[in-house]
Amino acid sequence: MIDDSNNILNTFNQYAKTFESLNPLSVLSFYHYPAILISPDKVVTVKNWIEGFVVFTAVMAELKFRGYAYSEAESLSVDQLSDRLATVKGIVIRFKENRQKLERFGLAYTMRRENDGWKIVVGALYELETSA
């Protein structure tokens, strides 16, 4: 297996930066379809770009309403499972313009290498345990 960890992480970081624009069309090319999106509240299967546009329009509208400005990732790690399959795991903190924290959550993304690069197949966001 050829180590492609840097390309995997670069692709994920490009996706994260692009997501900050809150433009649904701009993130669609980062996904392989069908894709699965998992959050603490629901699981959504996204069959194509049209469904992706609908899903991300709703997600991004809600973030705009809440005052989202940008995200910071912590502890990102890549586990390359094969030449064509990898996971990216880490913690994300979302902020408002004034650096006020909106939320903090864990992520685990499964990515697959296609002819045009690494694509997200499964995006899972999960609640982090709070310290007592």
N, C-alpha and C. Protein backbone atom coordinates (compact mmCIF):
# COMPACT_ATOMS: atom_id res chain seq x y z
N MET A 1 0.85 -1.18 0.00
CA MET A 1 0.00 0.00 0.00
C MET A 1 0.90 1.24 0.00
N ILE A 2 0.56 2.18 -0.85
CA ILE A 2 1.28 3.45 -0.92
C ILE A 2 0.65 4.41 0.08
N ASP A 3 1.48 4.99 0.94
CA ASP A 3 0.98 5.93 1.95
C ASP A 3 0.52 7.22 1.27
N ASP A 4 -0.78 7.49 1.36
CA ASP A 4 -1.36 8.68 0.75
C ASP A 4 -1.98 9.58 1.82
N SER A 5 -1.50 9.45 3.05
CA SER A 5 -2.08 10.18 4.18
C SER A 5 -2.10 11.68 3.97
N ASN A 6 -1.03 12.23 3.40
CA ASN A 6 -0.98 13.68 3.19
C ASN A 6 -2.07 14.14 2.23
N ASN A 7 -2.28 13.41 1.13
CA ASN A 7 -3.33 13.78 0.18
C ASN A 7 -4.71 13.64 0.81
N ILE A 8 -4.90 12.62 1.61
CA ILE A 8 -6.18 12.41 2.28
C ILE A 8 -6.47 13.59 3.21
N LEU A 9 -5.49 13.93 4.03
CA LEU A 9 -5.66 15.03 4.98
C LEU A 9 -5.82 16.36 4.26
N ASN A 10 -5.06 16.58 3.19
CA ASN A 10 -5.22 17.81 2.40
C ASN A 10 -6.61 17.93 1.82
N THR A 11 -7.14 16.83 1.30
CA THR A 11 -8.50 16.84 0.75
C THR A 11 -9.51 17.17 1.83
N PHE A 12 -9.36 16.54 2.99
CA PHE A 12 -10.29 16.82 4.08
C PHE A 12 -10.20 18.29 4.51
N ASN A 13 -9.00 18.82 4.63
CA ASN A 13 -8.83 20.23 5.02
C ASN A 13 -9.40 21.18 3.98
N GLN A 14 -9.26 20.85 2.70
CA GLN A 14 -9.87 21.66 1.63
C GLN A 14 -11.39 21.64 1.77
N TYR A 15 -11.93 20.47 2.05
CA TYR A 15 -13.38 20.35 2.26
C TYR A 15 -13.82 21.22 3.44
N ALA A 16 -13.11 21.12 4.55
CA ALA A 16 -13.47 21.88 5.75
C ALA A 16 -13.43 23.38 5.47
N LYS A 17 -12.41 23.83 4.76
CA LYS A 17 -12.29 25.26 4.42
C LYS A 17 -13.41 25.68 3.47
N THR A 18 -13.72 24.84 2.50
CA THR A 18 -14.79 25.13 1.55
C THR A 18 -16.14 25.18 2.26
N PHE A 19 -16.35 24.29 3.22
CA PHE A 19 -17.61 24.25 3.98
C PHE A 19 -17.87 25.59 4.66
N GLU A 20 -16.82 26.27 5.10
CA GLU A 20 -16.98 27.54 5.81
C GLU A 20 -17.68 28.61 4.96
N SER A 21 -17.65 28.47 3.65
CA SER A 21 -18.32 29.44 2.78
C SER A 21 -19.84 29.35 2.90
N LEU A 22 -20.33 28.24 3.45
CA LEU A 22 -21.77 27.97 3.56
C LEU A 22 -22.47 28.06 2.21
N ASN A 23 -21.77 27.63 1.18
CA ASN A 23 -22.32 27.55 -0.17
C ASN A 23 -22.50 26.07 -0.49
N PRO A 24 -23.75 25.58 -0.51
CA PRO A 24 -23.98 24.14 -0.71
C PRO A 24 -23.34 23.59 -1.98
N LEU A 25 -23.37 24.34 -3.05
CA LEU A 25 -22.80 23.85 -4.31
C LEU A 25 -21.30 23.60 -4.22
N SER A 26 -20.63 24.37 -3.38
CA SER A 26 -19.17 24.28 -3.33
C SER A 26 -18.66 23.01 -2.66
N VAL A 27 -19.47 22.35 -1.83
CA VAL A 27 -18.99 21.15 -1.13
C VAL A 27 -19.37 19.85 -1.84
N LEU A 28 -20.27 19.90 -2.79
CA LEU A 28 -20.79 18.68 -3.40
C LEU A 28 -19.73 17.84 -4.10
N SER A 29 -18.74 18.47 -4.69
CA SER A 29 -17.71 17.73 -5.43
C SER A 29 -16.77 16.95 -4.51
N PHE A 30 -16.84 17.18 -3.21
CA PHE A 30 -16.01 16.45 -2.26
C PHE A 30 -16.60 15.08 -1.90
N TYR A 31 -17.81 14.82 -2.36
CA TYR A 31 -18.51 13.58 -2.00
C TYR A 31 -18.56 12.58 -3.13
N HIS A 32 -18.55 11.32 -2.77
CA HIS A 32 -18.82 10.21 -3.68
C HIS A 32 -20.28 9.84 -3.45
N TYR A 33 -21.03 9.65 -4.52
CA TYR A 33 -22.46 9.34 -4.38
C TYR A 33 -22.73 7.91 -4.80
N PRO A 34 -23.57 7.21 -4.02
CA PRO A 34 -24.29 7.70 -2.84
C PRO A 34 -23.36 7.89 -1.65
N ALA A 35 -23.76 8.79 -0.76
CA ALA A 35 -23.01 9.06 0.47
C ALA A 35 -23.98 8.95 1.65
N ILE A 36 -23.42 8.74 2.81
CA ILE A 36 -24.23 8.66 4.03
C ILE A 36 -23.72 9.72 4.99
N LEU A 37 -24.65 10.51 5.53
CA LEU A 37 -24.33 11.53 6.52
C LEU A 37 -25.01 11.15 7.83
N ILE A 38 -24.22 11.09 8.89
CA ILE A 38 -24.72 10.66 10.19
C ILE A 38 -24.48 11.77 11.20
N SER A 39 -25.53 12.12 11.93
CA SER A 39 -25.41 13.07 13.03
C SER A 39 -26.06 12.44 14.25
N PRO A 40 -25.92 13.07 15.41
CA PRO A 40 -26.57 12.49 16.59
C PRO A 40 -28.09 12.36 16.43
N ASP A 41 -28.68 13.19 15.56
CA ASP A 41 -30.13 13.20 15.40
C ASP A 41 -30.67 12.30 14.30
N LYS A 42 -29.86 12.07 13.25
CA LYS A 42 -30.42 11.32 12.12
C LYS A 42 -29.33 10.77 11.21
N VAL A 43 -29.78 9.91 10.32
CA VAL A 43 -28.94 9.35 9.26
C VAL A 43 -29.61 9.70 7.94
N VAL A 44 -28.81 10.24 7.02
CA VAL A 44 -29.34 10.64 5.71
C VAL A 44 -28.51 9.98 4.62
N THR A 45 -29.18 9.34 3.68
CA THR A 45 -28.51 8.81 2.50
C THR A 45 -28.66 9.84 1.39
N VAL A 46 -27.55 10.23 0.80
CA VAL A 46 -27.54 11.23 -0.27
C VAL A 46 -27.18 10.50 -1.55
N LYS A 47 -28.16 10.36 -2.45
CA LYS A 47 -27.97 9.54 -3.65
C LYS A 47 -27.23 10.25 -4.77
N ASN A 48 -27.34 11.60 -4.82
CA ASN A 48 -26.75 12.33 -5.94
C ASN A 48 -26.55 13.80 -5.56
N TRP A 49 -26.02 14.59 -6.51
CA TRP A 49 -25.77 16.00 -6.26
C TRP A 49 -27.04 16.76 -5.89
N ILE A 50 -28.15 16.43 -6.52
CA ILE A 50 -29.40 17.14 -6.25
C ILE A 50 -29.80 16.96 -4.79
N GLU A 51 -29.78 15.72 -4.32
CA GLU A 51 -30.11 15.46 -2.92
C GLU A 51 -29.07 16.11 -2.00
N GLY A 52 -27.82 16.09 -2.40
CA GLY A 52 -26.77 16.74 -1.62
C GLY A 52 -27.02 18.23 -1.49
N PHE A 53 -27.43 18.85 -2.59
CA PHE A 53 -27.74 20.28 -2.56
C PHE A 53 -28.86 20.58 -1.58
N VAL A 54 -29.90 19.76 -1.59
CA VAL A 54 -31.04 19.96 -0.67
C VAL A 54 -30.58 19.81 0.78
N VAL A 55 -29.83 18.76 1.06
CA VAL A 55 -29.36 18.50 2.43
C VAL A 55 -28.46 19.63 2.92
N PHE A 56 -27.46 20.00 2.12
CA PHE A 56 -26.51 21.01 2.57
C PHE A 56 -27.12 22.41 2.59
N THR A 57 -28.13 22.67 1.77
CA THR A 57 -28.83 23.95 1.85
C THR A 57 -29.48 24.10 3.22
N ALA A 58 -30.13 23.05 3.69
CA ALA A 58 -30.78 23.09 5.01
C ALA A 58 -29.76 23.21 6.14
N VAL A 59 -28.71 22.40 6.08
CA VAL A 59 -27.68 22.43 7.13
C VAL A 59 -27.02 23.80 7.20
N MET A 60 -26.67 24.34 6.05
CA MET A 60 -25.95 25.61 6.02
C MET A 60 -26.85 26.79 6.37
N ALA A 61 -28.13 26.72 6.01
CA ALA A 61 -29.06 27.78 6.40
C ALA A 61 -29.19 27.84 7.92
N GLU A 62 -29.24 26.68 8.55
CA GLU A 62 -29.34 26.63 10.01
C GLU A 62 -28.08 27.18 10.66
N LEU A 63 -26.92 26.87 10.10
CA LEU A 63 -25.67 27.41 10.64
C LEU A 63 -25.60 28.93 10.46
N LYS A 64 -26.04 29.44 9.31
CA LYS A 64 -26.07 30.89 9.10
C LYS A 64 -26.96 31.55 10.14
N PHE A 65 -28.13 30.96 10.38
CA PHE A 65 -29.08 31.49 11.35
C PHE A 65 -28.45 31.57 12.74
N ARG A 66 -27.63 30.59 13.07
CA ARG A 66 -26.98 30.54 14.39
C ARG A 66 -25.73 31.42 14.47
N GLY A 67 -25.34 32.04 13.35
CA GLY A 67 -24.21 32.96 13.36
C GLY A 67 -22.86 32.32 13.09
N TYR A 68 -22.86 31.14 12.50
CA TYR A 68 -21.61 30.43 12.22
C TYR A 68 -20.70 31.27 11.33
N ALA A 69 -19.39 31.26 11.68
CA ALA A 69 -18.40 31.97 10.87
C ALA A 69 -17.28 31.06 10.38
N TYR A 70 -16.79 30.16 11.24
CA TYR A 70 -15.67 29.31 10.83
C TYR A 70 -15.54 28.14 11.81
N SER A 71 -14.68 27.19 11.43
CA SER A 71 -14.41 26.01 12.26
C SER A 71 -12.92 25.86 12.47
N GLU A 72 -12.59 25.19 13.55
CA GLU A 72 -11.21 24.78 13.80
C GLU A 72 -11.21 23.29 14.12
N ALA A 73 -10.27 22.57 13.55
CA ALA A 73 -10.16 21.13 13.80
C ALA A 73 -9.02 20.86 14.76
N GLU A 74 -9.24 19.89 15.62
CA GLU A 74 -8.22 19.46 16.57
C GLU A 74 -7.98 17.97 16.38
N SER A 75 -6.77 17.55 16.64
CA SER A 75 -6.45 16.12 16.72
C SER A 75 -6.89 15.33 15.49
N LEU A 76 -6.72 15.90 14.30
CA LEU A 76 -7.09 15.16 13.09
C LEU A 76 -6.10 14.02 12.87
N SER A 77 -6.63 12.86 12.55
CA SER A 77 -5.77 11.72 12.25
C SER A 77 -6.33 10.98 11.05
N VAL A 78 -5.43 10.39 10.29
CA VAL A 78 -5.80 9.60 9.11
C VAL A 78 -5.41 8.15 9.36
N ASP A 79 -6.33 7.27 9.06
CA ASP A 79 -6.04 5.83 9.09
C ASP A 79 -6.31 5.30 7.69
N GLN A 80 -5.25 5.10 6.93
CA GLN A 80 -5.41 4.60 5.57
C GLN A 80 -5.56 3.08 5.64
N LEU A 81 -6.71 2.59 5.23
CA LEU A 81 -7.02 1.17 5.32
C LEU A 81 -6.54 0.38 4.12
N SER A 82 -6.49 1.04 2.96
CA SER A 82 -6.00 0.41 1.73
C SER A 82 -5.63 1.53 0.77
N ASP A 83 -5.26 1.18 -0.45
CA ASP A 83 -4.93 2.20 -1.44
C ASP A 83 -6.14 3.08 -1.78
N ARG A 84 -7.35 2.57 -1.51
CA ARG A 84 -8.55 3.30 -1.93
C ARG A 84 -9.51 3.63 -0.80
N LEU A 85 -9.15 3.32 0.45
CA LEU A 85 -10.08 3.54 1.55
C LEU A 85 -9.34 4.07 2.78
N ALA A 86 -9.92 5.09 3.42
CA ALA A 86 -9.29 5.69 4.60
C ALA A 86 -10.35 6.31 5.50
N THR A 87 -9.97 6.53 6.75
CA THR A 87 -10.82 7.28 7.67
C THR A 87 -10.06 8.50 8.17
N VAL A 88 -10.80 9.57 8.38
CA VAL A 88 -10.27 10.78 9.00
C VAL A 88 -11.09 10.99 10.26
N LYS A 89 -10.40 11.14 11.38
CA LYS A 89 -11.08 11.34 12.66
C LYS A 89 -10.52 12.57 13.34
N GLY A 90 -11.36 13.20 14.16
CA GLY A 90 -10.88 14.36 14.90
C GLY A 90 -12.00 15.05 15.65
N ILE A 91 -11.69 16.24 16.10
CA ILE A 91 -12.64 17.08 16.83
C ILE A 91 -12.75 18.41 16.10
N VAL A 92 -13.98 18.92 16.00
CA VAL A 92 -14.22 20.20 15.34
C VAL A 92 -14.90 21.14 16.32
N ILE A 93 -14.46 22.39 16.31
CA ILE A 93 -15.11 23.44 17.08
C ILE A 93 -15.62 24.48 16.08
N ARG A 94 -16.90 24.79 16.16
CA ARG A 94 -17.49 25.82 15.31
C ARG A 94 -17.62 27.10 16.11
N PHE A 95 -17.31 28.23 15.44
CA PHE A 95 -17.30 29.52 16.10
C PHE A 95 -18.19 30.52 15.37
N LYS A 96 -18.62 31.54 16.13
CA LYS A 96 -19.25 32.72 15.55
C LYS A 96 -18.14 33.70 15.17
N GLU A 97 -18.52 34.79 14.52
CA GLU A 97 -17.56 35.81 14.07
C GLU A 97 -16.73 36.35 15.24
N ASN A 98 -17.34 36.50 16.41
CA ASN A 98 -16.66 37.07 17.58
C ASN A 98 -15.86 36.02 18.37
N ARG A 99 -15.61 34.87 17.78
CA ARG A 99 -14.88 33.74 18.39
C ARG A 99 -15.66 33.04 19.50
N GLN A 100 -16.94 33.38 19.65
CA GLN A 100 -17.77 32.66 20.62
C GLN A 100 -18.01 31.26 20.08
N LYS A 101 -17.84 30.26 20.94
CA LYS A 101 -17.97 28.87 20.54
C LYS A 101 -19.45 28.52 20.33
N LEU A 102 -19.76 27.97 19.15
CA LEU A 102 -21.11 27.49 18.85
C LEU A 102 -21.29 26.06 19.33
N GLU A 103 -20.33 25.21 18.98
CA GLU A 103 -20.45 23.80 19.33
C GLU A 103 -19.11 23.11 19.13
N ARG A 104 -19.00 21.96 19.75
CA ARG A 104 -17.79 21.13 19.65
C ARG A 104 -18.27 19.70 19.49
N PHE A 105 -17.71 19.00 18.51
CA PHE A 105 -18.16 17.63 18.25
C PHE A 105 -17.03 16.81 17.65
N GLY A 106 -17.20 15.50 17.69
CA GLY A 106 -16.25 14.61 17.05
C GLY A 106 -16.70 14.30 15.64
N LEU A 107 -15.75 13.91 14.82
CA LEU A 107 -16.09 13.50 13.45
C LEU A 107 -15.31 12.25 13.09
N ALA A 108 -15.92 11.46 12.25
CA ALA A 108 -15.27 10.28 11.66
C ALA A 108 -15.77 10.19 10.23
N TYR A 109 -14.89 10.47 9.28
CA TYR A 109 -15.25 10.44 7.86
C TYR A 109 -14.55 9.26 7.20
N THR A 110 -15.30 8.54 6.39
CA THR A 110 -14.73 7.48 5.57
C THR A 110 -14.56 8.06 4.17
N MET A 111 -13.36 7.90 3.62
CA MET A 111 -13.06 8.45 2.30
C MET A 111 -12.59 7.35 1.37
N ARG A 112 -12.92 7.53 0.09
CA ARG A 112 -12.57 6.54 -0.93
C ARG A 112 -11.84 7.26 -2.06
N ARG A 113 -10.75 6.66 -2.52
CA ARG A 113 -10.01 7.26 -3.63
C ARG A 113 -10.67 6.88 -4.95
N GLU A 114 -11.01 7.89 -5.71
CA GLU A 114 -11.58 7.72 -7.04
C GLU A 114 -10.57 8.24 -8.06
N ASN A 115 -10.92 8.17 -9.34
CA ASN A 115 -10.01 8.66 -10.38
C ASN A 115 -9.67 10.14 -10.21
N ASP A 116 -10.61 10.91 -9.66
CA ASP A 116 -10.39 12.34 -9.49
C ASP A 116 -10.02 12.72 -8.05
N GLY A 117 -9.53 11.75 -7.28
CA GLY A 117 -9.05 12.06 -5.93
C GLY A 117 -9.88 11.42 -4.83
N TRP A 118 -9.59 11.80 -3.60
CA TRP A 118 -10.27 11.26 -2.43
C TRP A 118 -11.62 11.92 -2.25
N LYS A 119 -12.65 11.10 -2.01
CA LYS A 119 -14.02 11.57 -1.86
C LYS A 119 -14.61 11.05 -0.55
N ILE A 120 -15.51 11.82 0.03
CA ILE A 120 -16.20 11.41 1.26
C ILE A 120 -17.33 10.46 0.90
N VAL A 121 -17.35 9.31 1.56
CA VAL A 121 -18.42 8.33 1.36
C VAL A 121 -19.36 8.34 2.56
N VAL A 122 -18.79 8.45 3.76
CA VAL A 122 -19.58 8.52 4.99
C VAL A 122 -19.03 9.65 5.84
N GLY A 123 -19.91 10.54 6.26
CA GLY A 123 -19.54 11.61 7.18
C GLY A 123 -20.33 11.45 8.46
N ALA A 124 -19.66 11.17 9.55
CA ALA A 124 -20.33 10.97 10.84
C ALA A 124 -19.87 12.02 11.84
N LEU A 125 -20.83 12.71 12.43
CA LEU A 125 -20.56 13.67 13.50
C LEU A 125 -21.16 13.10 14.78
N TYR A 126 -20.44 13.24 15.88
CA TYR A 126 -20.96 12.67 17.13
C TYR A 126 -20.66 13.59 18.31
N GLU A 127 -21.51 13.45 19.33
CA GLU A 127 -21.34 14.24 20.54
C GLU A 127 -20.14 13.73 21.32
N LEU A 128 -19.42 14.66 21.90
CA LEU A 128 -18.28 14.30 22.74
C LEU A 128 -18.74 14.18 24.18
N GLU A 129 -18.14 13.26 24.89
CA GLU A 129 -18.46 13.12 26.31
C GLU A 129 -17.96 14.34 27.05
N THR A 130 -18.75 14.81 27.99
CA THR A 130 -18.33 15.95 28.79
C THR A 130 -17.64 15.45 30.06
N SER A 131 -16.63 16.17 30.46
CA SER A 131 -15.90 15.79 31.68
C SER A 131 -16.73 16.12 32.90
N ALA A 132 -16.72 15.24 33.87
CA ALA A 132 -17.49 15.46 35.10
C ALA A 132 -16.72 16.33 36.06
